[in-house]
N, C-alpha and C. Protein backbone atom coordinates (compact mmCIF):
# COMPACT_ATOMS: atom_id res chain seq x y z
N ALA A 1 -44.89 14.05 198.88
CA ALA A 1 -45.02 12.92 197.97
C ALA A 1 -46.50 12.97 196.70
N ASP A 2 -46.31 12.09 195.96
CA ASP A 2 -47.24 12.19 195.15
C ASP A 2 -48.51 11.02 195.51
N GLU A 3 -49.27 11.68 195.75
CA GLU A 3 -50.59 11.11 196.70
C GLU A 3 -51.24 10.35 195.28
N ALA A 4 -51.79 11.07 194.34
CA ALA A 4 -52.23 10.56 193.25
C ALA A 4 -51.36 9.12 192.69
N ALA A 5 -50.15 9.17 192.55
CA ALA A 5 -49.26 8.36 192.04
C ALA A 5 -49.39 6.93 192.97
N TYR A 6 -49.49 7.27 194.38
CA TYR A 6 -49.80 6.35 195.23
C TYR A 6 -51.20 5.48 195.18
N LEU A 7 -52.00 6.19 194.79
CA LEU A 7 -53.21 5.79 195.36
C LEU A 7 -53.38 4.76 193.44
N ASP A 8 -52.83 5.30 192.15
CA ASP A 8 -52.58 4.58 191.12
C ASP A 8 -52.17 3.25 191.14
N GLN A 9 -51.05 3.02 192.19
CA GLN A 9 -50.14 2.35 192.07
C GLN A 9 -50.89 0.90 193.26
N ILE A 10 -51.65 1.54 194.49
CA ILE A 10 -52.48 0.51 195.19
C ILE A 10 -54.04 -0.01 194.09
N PHE A 11 -54.75 0.74 193.55
CA PHE A 11 -55.67 0.46 192.45
C PHE A 11 -55.11 -0.66 191.46
N ALA A 12 -54.05 -0.45 191.06
CA ALA A 12 -53.36 -1.55 189.77
C ALA A 12 -52.81 -2.48 190.70
N ALA A 13 -52.57 -2.84 192.03
CA ALA A 13 -52.71 -3.85 192.93
C ALA A 13 -53.33 -4.77 193.24
N VAL A 14 -54.64 -4.30 192.97
CA VAL A 14 -55.79 -5.01 193.11
C VAL A 14 -56.74 -5.05 192.14
N PRO A 15 -56.14 -5.77 191.05
CA PRO A 15 -57.10 -5.50 189.75
C PRO A 15 -58.31 -6.16 190.04
N SER A 16 -58.74 -7.20 190.63
CA SER A 16 -60.09 -7.94 190.51
C SER A 16 -60.93 -6.97 191.43
N ALA A 17 -60.64 -6.23 192.42
CA ALA A 17 -61.30 -5.40 193.11
C ALA A 17 -62.30 -4.28 192.29
N GLU A 18 -63.74 -3.94 192.67
CA GLU A 18 -64.00 -2.58 192.03
C GLU A 18 -64.05 -1.75 193.04
N VAL A 19 -62.74 -0.61 192.40
CA VAL A 19 -62.62 0.54 193.30
C VAL A 19 -63.19 1.64 193.11
N TYR A 20 -63.48 2.34 194.09
CA TYR A 20 -64.35 3.43 194.03
C TYR A 20 -63.52 4.60 193.79
N ASP A 21 -62.92 5.06 192.93
CA ASP A 21 -62.03 6.16 193.02
C ASP A 21 -62.42 7.39 192.99
N LEU A 22 -62.56 8.30 194.16
CA LEU A 22 -63.76 9.46 194.10
C LEU A 22 -62.54 10.85 194.06
N ARG A 23 -61.50 10.94 193.56
CA ARG A 23 -60.67 11.98 193.02
C ARG A 23 -61.46 12.91 192.64
N GLU A 24 -61.98 12.34 191.22
CA GLU A 24 -62.57 13.09 190.36
C GLU A 24 -63.98 13.79 190.75
N LEU A 25 -64.59 12.81 191.54
CA LEU A 25 -65.86 13.49 192.15
C LEU A 25 -65.75 14.67 193.44
N PHE A 26 -64.84 14.31 193.99
CA PHE A 26 -64.31 15.22 195.11
C PHE A 26 -63.72 16.47 194.79
N THR A 27 -63.10 16.13 193.22
CA THR A 27 -62.81 17.65 192.79
C THR A 27 -63.49 18.22 191.95
N GLN A 28 -64.81 18.16 191.68
CA GLN A 28 -65.82 18.64 190.95
C GLN A 28 -66.61 19.20 191.94
N HIS A 29 -65.99 18.75 193.66
CA HIS A 29 -67.31 19.03 194.23
C HIS A 29 -66.12 20.41 195.73
N LYS A 30 -65.03 20.35 195.13
CA LYS A 30 -63.70 21.04 195.77
C LYS A 30 -64.32 21.97 196.70
N ASP A 31 -65.42 22.67 195.99
CA ASP A 31 -65.75 24.43 196.54
C ASP A 31 -66.91 23.75 197.53
N GLU A 32 -67.22 22.58 198.01
CA GLU A 32 -68.25 22.56 198.72
C GLU A 32 -67.23 21.60 199.94
N TYR A 33 -68.21 21.70 201.26
CA TYR A 33 -67.52 21.16 202.25
C TYR A 33 -67.79 19.68 202.62
N ILE A 34 -66.36 19.36 202.33
CA ILE A 34 -66.57 17.58 202.19
C ILE A 34 -65.52 17.39 202.85
N PHE A 35 -64.34 18.11 203.42
CA PHE A 35 -63.65 17.81 204.43
C PHE A 35 -63.47 18.60 205.62
N TYR A 36 -63.51 18.12 207.00
CA TYR A 36 -63.46 19.10 208.04
C TYR A 36 -61.99 20.06 207.98
N ARG A 37 -61.81 21.31 208.31
CA ARG A 37 -60.87 21.91 208.58
C ARG A 37 -59.88 21.34 209.78
N THR A 38 -60.49 20.75 210.47
CA THR A 38 -59.68 20.53 211.74
C THR A 38 -59.68 19.24 212.19
N ASP A 39 -60.27 18.22 211.19
CA ASP A 39 -60.10 16.82 211.49
C ASP A 39 -59.68 16.16 210.17
N HIS A 40 -59.17 14.78 210.00
CA HIS A 40 -59.14 14.06 208.79
C HIS A 40 -59.79 13.69 208.09
N HIS A 41 -61.16 13.24 208.42
CA HIS A 41 -62.26 12.98 207.97
C HIS A 41 -63.18 13.69 206.85
N TRP A 42 -63.94 12.87 206.35
CA TRP A 42 -65.25 13.56 205.39
C TRP A 42 -65.72 14.41 206.26
N THR A 43 -66.65 15.42 205.97
CA THR A 43 -67.66 16.01 206.67
C THR A 43 -68.90 14.89 206.23
N THR A 44 -69.94 14.72 207.10
CA THR A 44 -71.09 14.04 206.55
C THR A 44 -71.70 14.34 204.88
N HIS A 45 -71.39 15.51 204.45
CA HIS A 45 -71.59 15.82 203.33
C HIS A 45 -70.72 15.04 202.53
N GLY A 46 -69.36 14.97 202.66
CA GLY A 46 -68.35 14.25 201.92
C GLY A 46 -68.75 12.73 201.99
N ALA A 47 -69.21 12.19 203.28
CA ALA A 47 -69.89 10.65 203.19
C ALA A 47 -70.97 11.00 202.27
N TRP A 48 -71.76 11.88 202.10
CA TRP A 48 -73.07 11.51 201.27
C TRP A 48 -72.37 11.49 200.00
N LEU A 49 -71.68 12.21 199.45
CA LEU A 49 -71.06 12.42 198.31
C LEU A 49 -70.31 10.90 197.76
N ALA A 50 -69.57 10.41 198.44
CA ALA A 50 -68.75 8.92 198.28
C ALA A 50 -70.15 7.65 198.29
N TYR A 51 -71.26 8.10 199.18
CA TYR A 51 -72.46 7.07 199.05
C TYR A 51 -72.77 7.30 197.67
N SER A 52 -73.46 8.60 197.68
CA SER A 52 -74.30 8.55 196.22
C SER A 52 -73.39 7.81 194.81
N GLU A 53 -71.92 8.12 195.11
CA GLU A 53 -71.44 7.46 193.95
C GLU A 53 -71.47 6.22 193.91
N PHE A 54 -71.32 5.50 195.00
CA PHE A 54 -71.73 3.74 195.42
C PHE A 54 -73.14 3.49 195.01
N CYS A 55 -74.29 4.17 195.60
CA CYS A 55 -75.72 3.98 194.82
C CYS A 55 -75.77 4.30 193.36
N ALA A 56 -75.27 5.40 192.79
CA ALA A 56 -75.00 5.42 190.94
C ALA A 56 -74.70 4.39 190.48
N ARG A 57 -73.51 3.37 191.04
CA ARG A 57 -73.00 2.36 190.39
C ARG A 57 -73.67 1.14 190.50
N ASN A 58 -74.41 1.13 191.50
CA ASN A 58 -74.98 0.14 191.77
C ASN A 58 -76.97 -0.23 191.66
N GLY A 59 -77.42 0.93 190.78
CA GLY A 59 -78.69 1.30 190.54
C GLY A 59 -79.39 1.48 192.07
N LEU A 60 -79.17 2.04 193.13
CA LEU A 60 -79.57 2.22 194.34
C LEU A 60 -80.03 3.98 194.36
N THR A 61 -80.99 4.06 195.04
CA THR A 61 -81.71 5.12 195.20
C THR A 61 -80.76 5.90 196.50
N PRO A 62 -80.03 6.75 196.23
CA PRO A 62 -79.59 7.28 197.53
C PRO A 62 -80.67 8.06 198.66
N PHE A 63 -80.39 8.05 199.81
CA PHE A 63 -80.54 8.45 201.41
C PHE A 63 -81.14 9.97 200.74
N ASP A 64 -82.23 10.29 200.86
CA ASP A 64 -82.71 11.65 200.60
C ASP A 64 -82.04 12.71 202.09
N THR A 65 -81.31 13.47 201.85
CA THR A 65 -80.97 14.47 202.92
C THR A 65 -82.01 15.46 203.07
N GLU A 66 -82.91 15.60 201.93
CA GLU A 66 -83.88 16.45 201.72
C GLU A 66 -85.15 16.44 202.75
N ALA A 67 -85.05 14.94 202.98
CA ALA A 67 -86.36 14.47 203.56
C ALA A 67 -85.86 13.84 204.99
N HIS A 68 -84.83 14.65 205.63
CA HIS A 68 -84.82 13.90 206.78
C HIS A 68 -84.22 15.10 207.55
N GLU A 69 -84.34 15.06 209.02
CA GLU A 69 -84.00 16.42 209.96
C GLU A 69 -82.50 16.42 210.03
N LYS A 70 -82.12 17.57 210.03
CA LYS A 70 -80.54 17.75 209.74
C LYS A 70 -80.14 18.03 211.28
N VAL A 71 -78.98 17.74 211.99
CA VAL A 71 -78.79 18.08 213.24
C VAL A 71 -77.09 18.75 212.95
N GLU A 72 -77.13 19.76 213.41
CA GLU A 72 -75.75 20.53 213.46
C GLU A 72 -75.11 21.18 214.33
N ILE A 73 -74.06 20.74 215.16
CA ILE A 73 -72.98 20.52 216.21
C ILE A 73 -72.16 21.75 215.65
N GLU A 74 -72.46 23.02 216.75
CA GLU A 74 -71.11 23.62 215.81
C GLU A 74 -69.82 23.42 216.97
N ASP A 75 -68.87 24.15 216.59
CA ASP A 75 -67.52 24.23 217.56
C ASP A 75 -66.83 22.96 217.89
N PHE A 76 -66.81 22.36 216.63
CA PHE A 76 -66.12 20.67 216.55
C PHE A 76 -64.91 21.11 216.01
N TYR A 77 -63.71 20.52 216.74
CA TYR A 77 -62.47 20.78 216.55
C TYR A 77 -61.68 19.13 216.52
N GLY A 78 -61.93 18.62 215.84
CA GLY A 78 -61.02 17.29 215.48
C GLY A 78 -59.53 17.03 215.96
N THR A 79 -59.34 15.76 215.38
CA THR A 79 -57.97 15.57 215.54
C THR A 79 -56.98 15.84 215.28
N SER A 80 -56.89 16.34 213.95
CA SER A 80 -55.85 17.55 213.50
C SER A 80 -55.50 18.33 214.42
N TYR A 81 -56.57 19.24 214.84
CA TYR A 81 -56.79 20.34 215.63
C TYR A 81 -55.90 19.70 217.28
N SER A 82 -56.57 18.55 217.66
CA SER A 82 -55.99 18.08 218.95
C SER A 82 -54.73 17.62 218.94
N LYS A 83 -54.07 17.41 217.70
CA LYS A 83 -52.67 17.35 217.62
C LYS A 83 -52.08 18.70 217.93
N SER A 84 -52.35 19.37 216.98
CA SER A 84 -51.63 21.03 216.69
C SER A 84 -51.53 21.91 217.46
N ARG A 85 -53.06 22.01 218.04
CA ARG A 85 -53.74 23.37 219.03
C ARG A 85 -53.38 24.21 218.38
N LEU A 86 -53.71 24.59 216.72
CA LEU A 86 -53.32 25.70 216.00
C LEU A 86 -54.53 26.78 216.71
N TRP A 87 -53.53 27.98 217.30
CA TRP A 87 -54.54 28.89 217.85
C TRP A 87 -55.61 29.40 217.22
N ASN A 88 -54.91 29.89 215.63
CA ASN A 88 -56.21 30.39 215.00
C ASN A 88 -57.17 29.68 214.19
N ALA A 89 -57.37 28.14 214.89
CA ALA A 89 -57.99 27.21 213.65
C ALA A 89 -59.19 27.51 213.81
N VAL A 90 -60.15 27.25 212.86
CA VAL A 90 -61.48 27.80 212.66
C VAL A 90 -62.53 26.60 213.07
N SER A 91 -63.22 26.27 214.03
CA SER A 91 -64.00 25.40 214.23
C SER A 91 -64.40 25.09 213.24
N ASP A 92 -64.84 23.47 213.11
CA ASP A 92 -66.08 22.77 211.91
C ASP A 92 -67.30 22.68 212.83
N THR A 93 -68.17 22.36 211.82
CA THR A 93 -69.76 22.13 212.12
C THR A 93 -69.75 20.29 211.74
N LEU A 94 -70.14 19.69 212.87
CA LEU A 94 -70.55 18.40 212.78
C LEU A 94 -72.14 18.06 212.20
N THR A 95 -72.26 17.34 211.42
CA THR A 95 -73.82 17.06 210.77
C THR A 95 -73.99 15.95 211.02
N TYR A 96 -75.40 15.43 211.31
CA TYR A 96 -75.57 13.96 211.47
C TYR A 96 -77.48 14.10 211.28
N TYR A 97 -78.16 13.03 210.55
CA TYR A 97 -79.25 12.71 210.48
C TYR A 97 -79.66 11.51 211.38
N PRO A 98 -80.52 12.13 212.54
CA PRO A 98 -81.08 11.23 213.58
C PRO A 98 -81.99 10.09 212.77
N LEU A 99 -81.59 8.99 213.40
CA LEU A 99 -82.35 7.93 212.52
C LEU A 99 -82.95 7.11 213.59
N ASP A 100 -84.12 6.25 213.29
CA ASP A 100 -84.53 5.37 214.38
C ASP A 100 -83.82 3.76 214.13
N ASN A 101 -82.81 4.04 213.56
CA ASN A 101 -82.29 2.32 213.24
C ASN A 101 -81.45 1.80 214.39
N GLU A 102 -81.69 0.65 214.64
CA GLU A 102 -81.06 0.29 215.46
C GLU A 102 -79.79 -0.39 215.17
N MET A 103 -78.50 -0.46 216.22
CA MET A 103 -77.47 -0.95 215.90
C MET A 103 -76.88 -1.73 217.35
N THR A 104 -76.30 -2.81 216.89
CA THR A 104 -76.22 -3.53 217.96
C THR A 104 -74.26 -3.78 217.72
N ILE A 105 -73.64 -3.62 218.74
CA ILE A 105 -72.21 -3.70 219.07
C ILE A 105 -71.96 -5.08 219.60
N PHE A 106 -70.99 -5.83 219.00
CA PHE A 106 -70.41 -7.04 219.15
C PHE A 106 -69.22 -7.15 219.81
N ASP A 107 -68.48 -7.87 220.87
CA ASP A 107 -67.36 -8.39 221.42
C ASP A 107 -67.24 -9.75 220.39
N VAL A 108 -66.50 -9.52 219.90
CA VAL A 108 -65.42 -10.81 219.10
C VAL A 108 -64.52 -11.26 220.06
N THR A 109 -64.51 -12.51 220.51
CA THR A 109 -63.66 -12.92 221.58
C THR A 109 -62.38 -14.06 220.75
N VAL A 110 -63.20 -14.66 219.83
CA VAL A 110 -62.83 -15.88 219.68
C VAL A 110 -63.10 -16.02 218.05
N PRO A 111 -62.44 -15.95 216.75
CA PRO A 111 -62.83 -16.09 215.78
C PRO A 111 -63.52 -17.13 215.13
N GLY A 112 -64.77 -16.40 214.81
CA GLY A 112 -66.14 -16.74 214.49
C GLY A 112 -67.27 -16.69 215.59
N GLN A 113 -66.93 -16.30 216.46
CA GLN A 113 -68.12 -15.89 217.92
C GLN A 113 -68.22 -14.70 218.17
N ARG A 114 -69.18 -14.01 218.21
CA ARG A 114 -69.56 -13.07 218.82
C ARG A 114 -70.61 -13.10 219.96
N THR A 115 -70.62 -11.95 220.74
CA THR A 115 -71.48 -11.90 221.90
C THR A 115 -71.89 -10.28 221.97
N PRO A 116 -73.45 -10.03 221.88
CA PRO A 116 -73.73 -8.64 221.83
C PRO A 116 -73.60 -7.81 222.89
N LYS A 117 -72.72 -6.57 222.89
CA LYS A 117 -72.37 -5.99 223.90
C LYS A 117 -73.26 -4.93 224.31
N SER A 118 -73.73 -4.41 223.35
CA SER A 118 -74.99 -3.43 223.78
C SER A 118 -75.57 -3.14 222.43
N THR A 119 -76.86 -2.49 222.40
CA THR A 119 -77.96 -2.62 221.50
C THR A 119 -78.21 -0.76 221.74
N SER A 120 -78.34 -0.13 220.88
CA SER A 120 -78.76 1.42 220.73
C SER A 120 -79.01 2.08 219.56
N GLY A 121 -78.86 3.20 219.12
CA GLY A 121 -79.27 4.13 217.81
C GLY A 121 -77.82 3.92 217.66
N LEU A 122 -77.83 4.91 216.05
CA LEU A 122 -76.82 5.03 215.55
C LEU A 122 -75.47 6.15 216.35
N TYR A 123 -76.53 6.76 216.85
CA TYR A 123 -74.98 7.97 217.41
C TYR A 123 -75.70 7.86 218.83
N ASP A 124 -74.22 8.23 219.32
CA ASP A 124 -73.67 8.38 220.89
C ASP A 124 -73.52 9.82 221.23
N THR A 125 -74.98 10.39 220.97
CA THR A 125 -75.06 11.78 221.55
C THR A 125 -74.24 12.36 222.61
N ALA A 126 -74.12 11.58 223.56
CA ALA A 126 -72.98 12.00 224.81
C ALA A 126 -71.97 12.24 224.46
N LYS A 127 -71.16 11.98 223.15
CA LYS A 127 -69.59 12.30 222.89
C LYS A 127 -69.88 13.63 221.99
N LEU A 128 -71.09 14.12 222.04
CA LEU A 128 -71.13 15.37 221.71
C LEU A 128 -70.66 16.58 222.94
N GLU A 129 -70.68 16.07 223.96
CA GLU A 129 -70.21 16.76 225.02
C GLU A 129 -68.76 16.41 225.36
N VAL A 130 -67.61 15.65 224.62
CA VAL A 130 -66.69 15.55 224.94
C VAL A 130 -65.70 15.96 223.67
N VAL A 131 -64.57 15.99 223.66
CA VAL A 131 -63.40 16.04 222.82
C VAL A 131 -63.70 15.48 221.79
N ASP A 132 -63.93 14.17 221.56
CA ASP A 132 -63.62 13.49 220.37
C ASP A 132 -65.34 13.42 219.82
N LYS A 133 -65.78 14.68 219.57
CA LYS A 133 -67.19 14.46 218.91
C LYS A 133 -67.51 13.61 217.65
N TYR A 134 -66.12 13.22 217.05
CA TYR A 134 -66.92 12.38 216.01
C TYR A 134 -67.04 11.37 216.36
N ALA A 135 -66.64 10.54 217.59
CA ALA A 135 -67.06 9.22 218.07
C ALA A 135 -68.35 9.54 218.15
N THR A 136 -69.22 10.69 217.93
CA THR A 136 -70.71 10.40 217.96
C THR A 136 -71.47 9.06 217.05
N PHE A 137 -70.64 9.19 215.68
CA PHE A 137 -71.02 8.03 214.70
C PHE A 137 -70.75 7.24 215.19
N LEU A 138 -71.99 6.13 215.17
CA LEU A 138 -71.44 4.55 215.58
C LEU A 138 -70.97 4.24 216.55
N TYR A 139 -71.30 5.08 217.73
CA TYR A 139 -70.14 4.78 219.29
C TYR A 139 -68.90 4.82 218.72
N GLY A 140 -68.23 5.25 218.06
CA GLY A 140 -66.75 5.09 217.88
C GLY A 140 -66.50 4.13 216.96
N ASN A 141 -65.14 3.51 217.35
CA ASN A 141 -64.78 2.45 216.45
C ASN A 141 -64.86 1.46 216.72
N ASN A 142 -65.69 0.61 216.73
CA ASN A 142 -66.12 -0.91 216.98
C ASN A 142 -65.39 -1.69 216.07
N GLY A 143 -65.01 -3.10 216.57
CA GLY A 143 -64.73 -4.59 215.90
C GLY A 143 -65.69 -4.66 214.63
N TYR A 144 -66.70 -5.03 215.49
CA TYR A 144 -68.11 -5.60 214.60
C TYR A 144 -69.51 -5.12 214.97
N SER A 145 -70.48 -4.45 214.45
CA SER A 145 -71.59 -4.23 214.35
C SER A 145 -72.68 -4.35 213.53
N GLU A 146 -73.77 -4.51 214.07
CA GLU A 146 -74.71 -4.86 212.77
C GLU A 146 -76.02 -3.68 212.86
N ILE A 147 -76.22 -3.14 211.95
CA ILE A 147 -77.20 -1.98 211.74
C ILE A 147 -78.57 -2.43 211.17
N GLN A 148 -79.84 -2.31 211.65
CA GLN A 148 -81.02 -2.42 211.33
C GLN A 148 -81.36 -1.58 210.20
N GLY A 149 -81.38 -1.99 208.73
CA GLY A 149 -81.52 -0.90 208.22
C GLY A 149 -83.23 -1.10 207.52
N ASP A 150 -83.76 -0.19 206.76
CA ASP A 150 -85.07 0.16 206.38
C ASP A 150 -85.13 -0.57 204.48
N GLY A 151 -83.90 -1.07 204.34
CA GLY A 151 -84.20 -1.48 202.70
C GLY A 151 -84.47 -3.10 202.93
N GLU A 152 -83.64 -3.79 202.09
CA GLU A 152 -83.75 -5.21 201.67
C GLU A 152 -82.11 -5.45 201.43
N GLY A 153 -82.31 -6.95 202.05
CA GLY A 153 -80.78 -7.38 201.74
C GLY A 153 -79.86 -7.15 202.58
N SER A 154 -78.64 -7.39 202.26
CA SER A 154 -77.50 -7.03 203.52
C SER A 154 -76.34 -6.60 202.49
N ILE A 155 -75.32 -6.11 203.64
CA ILE A 155 -74.07 -5.69 202.90
C ILE A 155 -73.42 -5.91 203.95
N LEU A 156 -71.87 -6.13 203.51
CA LEU A 156 -70.91 -5.98 204.77
C LEU A 156 -69.63 -4.59 204.39
N LEU A 157 -69.89 -3.67 205.40
CA LEU A 157 -68.75 -2.54 205.29
C LEU A 157 -67.52 -2.39 205.88
N VAL A 158 -66.59 -3.04 205.21
CA VAL A 158 -65.18 -3.17 205.68
C VAL A 158 -64.56 -1.66 205.90
N LYS A 159 -64.63 -1.05 206.88
CA LYS A 159 -64.27 0.63 206.91
C LYS A 159 -62.94 0.95 208.08
N ASP A 160 -62.58 1.63 208.14
CA ASP A 160 -62.04 2.49 208.97
C ASP A 160 -62.71 3.49 209.30
N SER A 161 -62.51 4.34 210.13
CA SER A 161 -63.54 5.74 210.87
C SER A 161 -64.21 6.68 209.70
N TYR A 162 -63.64 6.44 208.41
CA TYR A 162 -64.24 7.26 207.69
C TYR A 162 -65.72 6.61 207.27
N GLY A 163 -65.22 5.47 207.50
CA GLY A 163 -66.92 4.80 207.41
C GLY A 163 -67.84 5.21 208.56
N ASN A 164 -67.66 5.44 209.38
CA ASN A 164 -68.46 6.11 210.36
C ASN A 164 -69.49 6.82 210.02
N CYS A 165 -69.57 7.77 209.77
CA CYS A 165 -70.39 8.68 209.09
C CYS A 165 -71.23 8.55 207.81
N PHE A 166 -70.53 7.21 206.87
CA PHE A 166 -70.94 6.59 205.87
C PHE A 166 -72.15 5.70 206.05
N ALA A 167 -71.53 4.73 206.92
CA ALA A 167 -72.80 3.99 207.06
C ALA A 167 -74.17 3.84 207.22
N PRO A 168 -74.45 5.42 208.19
CA PRO A 168 -76.03 5.45 208.60
C PRO A 168 -76.61 5.63 207.00
N PHE A 169 -75.82 6.27 206.06
CA PHE A 169 -76.77 6.15 204.96
C PHE A 169 -77.29 5.25 204.09
N LEU A 170 -76.48 3.90 204.66
CA LEU A 170 -76.89 2.82 203.58
C LEU A 170 -78.11 1.75 204.38
N THR A 171 -78.60 2.69 205.66
CA THR A 171 -79.73 1.95 206.32
C THR A 171 -81.45 2.06 205.17
N ALA A 172 -80.90 3.28 204.36
CA ALA A 172 -82.12 3.36 203.38
C ALA A 172 -81.97 2.93 202.13
N ASN A 173 -81.15 1.67 202.07
CA ASN A 173 -81.02 0.82 200.74
C ASN A 173 -80.79 -0.91 201.21
N TYR A 174 -80.55 -0.81 202.52
CA TYR A 174 -80.37 -2.48 203.17
C TYR A 174 -81.10 -3.02 204.33
N GLY A 175 -81.71 -3.63 204.52
CA GLY A 175 -81.88 -4.22 205.88
C GLY A 175 -80.88 -4.79 206.93
N LYS A 176 -79.94 -5.27 206.43
CA LYS A 176 -78.64 -5.39 207.26
C LYS A 176 -77.72 -4.86 206.98
N ILE A 177 -76.79 -4.22 207.71
CA ILE A 177 -75.70 -3.76 207.73
C ILE A 177 -74.57 -4.15 208.55
N GLY A 178 -73.66 -5.24 208.03
CA GLY A 178 -72.58 -5.44 209.06
C GLY A 178 -71.37 -4.19 208.89
N VAL A 179 -71.04 -4.09 210.08
CA VAL A 179 -69.70 -3.03 209.90
C VAL A 179 -68.77 -3.72 210.59
N VAL A 180 -67.46 -3.78 210.15
CA VAL A 180 -66.22 -4.25 210.35
C VAL A 180 -64.99 -3.50 210.67
N ASP A 181 -64.69 -3.00 211.39
CA ASP A 181 -63.40 -2.05 211.23
C ASP A 181 -62.17 -3.20 212.14
N LEU A 182 -61.46 -3.58 210.67
CA LEU A 182 -60.08 -4.43 211.29
C LEU A 182 -59.34 -4.25 212.30
N ARG A 183 -58.94 -2.80 212.32
CA ARG A 183 -57.91 -2.09 213.54
C ARG A 183 -58.48 -2.68 214.86
N ASN A 184 -59.68 -3.29 214.99
CA ASN A 184 -60.03 -4.04 216.59
C ASN A 184 -60.03 -5.59 216.57
N TYR A 185 -58.91 -5.93 215.46
CA TYR A 185 -59.05 -7.37 215.31
C TYR A 185 -57.48 -7.63 215.75
């Protein structure tokens, strides 16, 4: 299948939307570690590249990765590996930046109503001890969460799981980050 042709069709179908076509950006960085080998997600560096493009287009100063502690977790095997169990797969390194920002996960039981379920940090480090280590980011896939950021204003991030390692970067720019995963509705 011609992925580029499909993406062009999708982008053309939403002419009023501002599309962030990352193909050229990721091609420029193709020799960097932007996708996991054993998982379908961006690495944290790949998510940062997408986020930095968002910042550039919106006149924002990006999260400074050099000014923050970086935690690297070795021996990460993602969902692609879990499905294939390829005997010679090379493990990945999962990276995150421990931030003090608070996140509230909500149960949404009735349209328009939400109940706080739990409040915590951005990372569930207990997930680093289980098979699905990617669920460390934002405690996995939640229907609706709110993150308290360090910036000003607010933003709503409508995402799939790719957004889990992207969302923490937004704390540098916004005071409130709403995070919606429509797969949970």
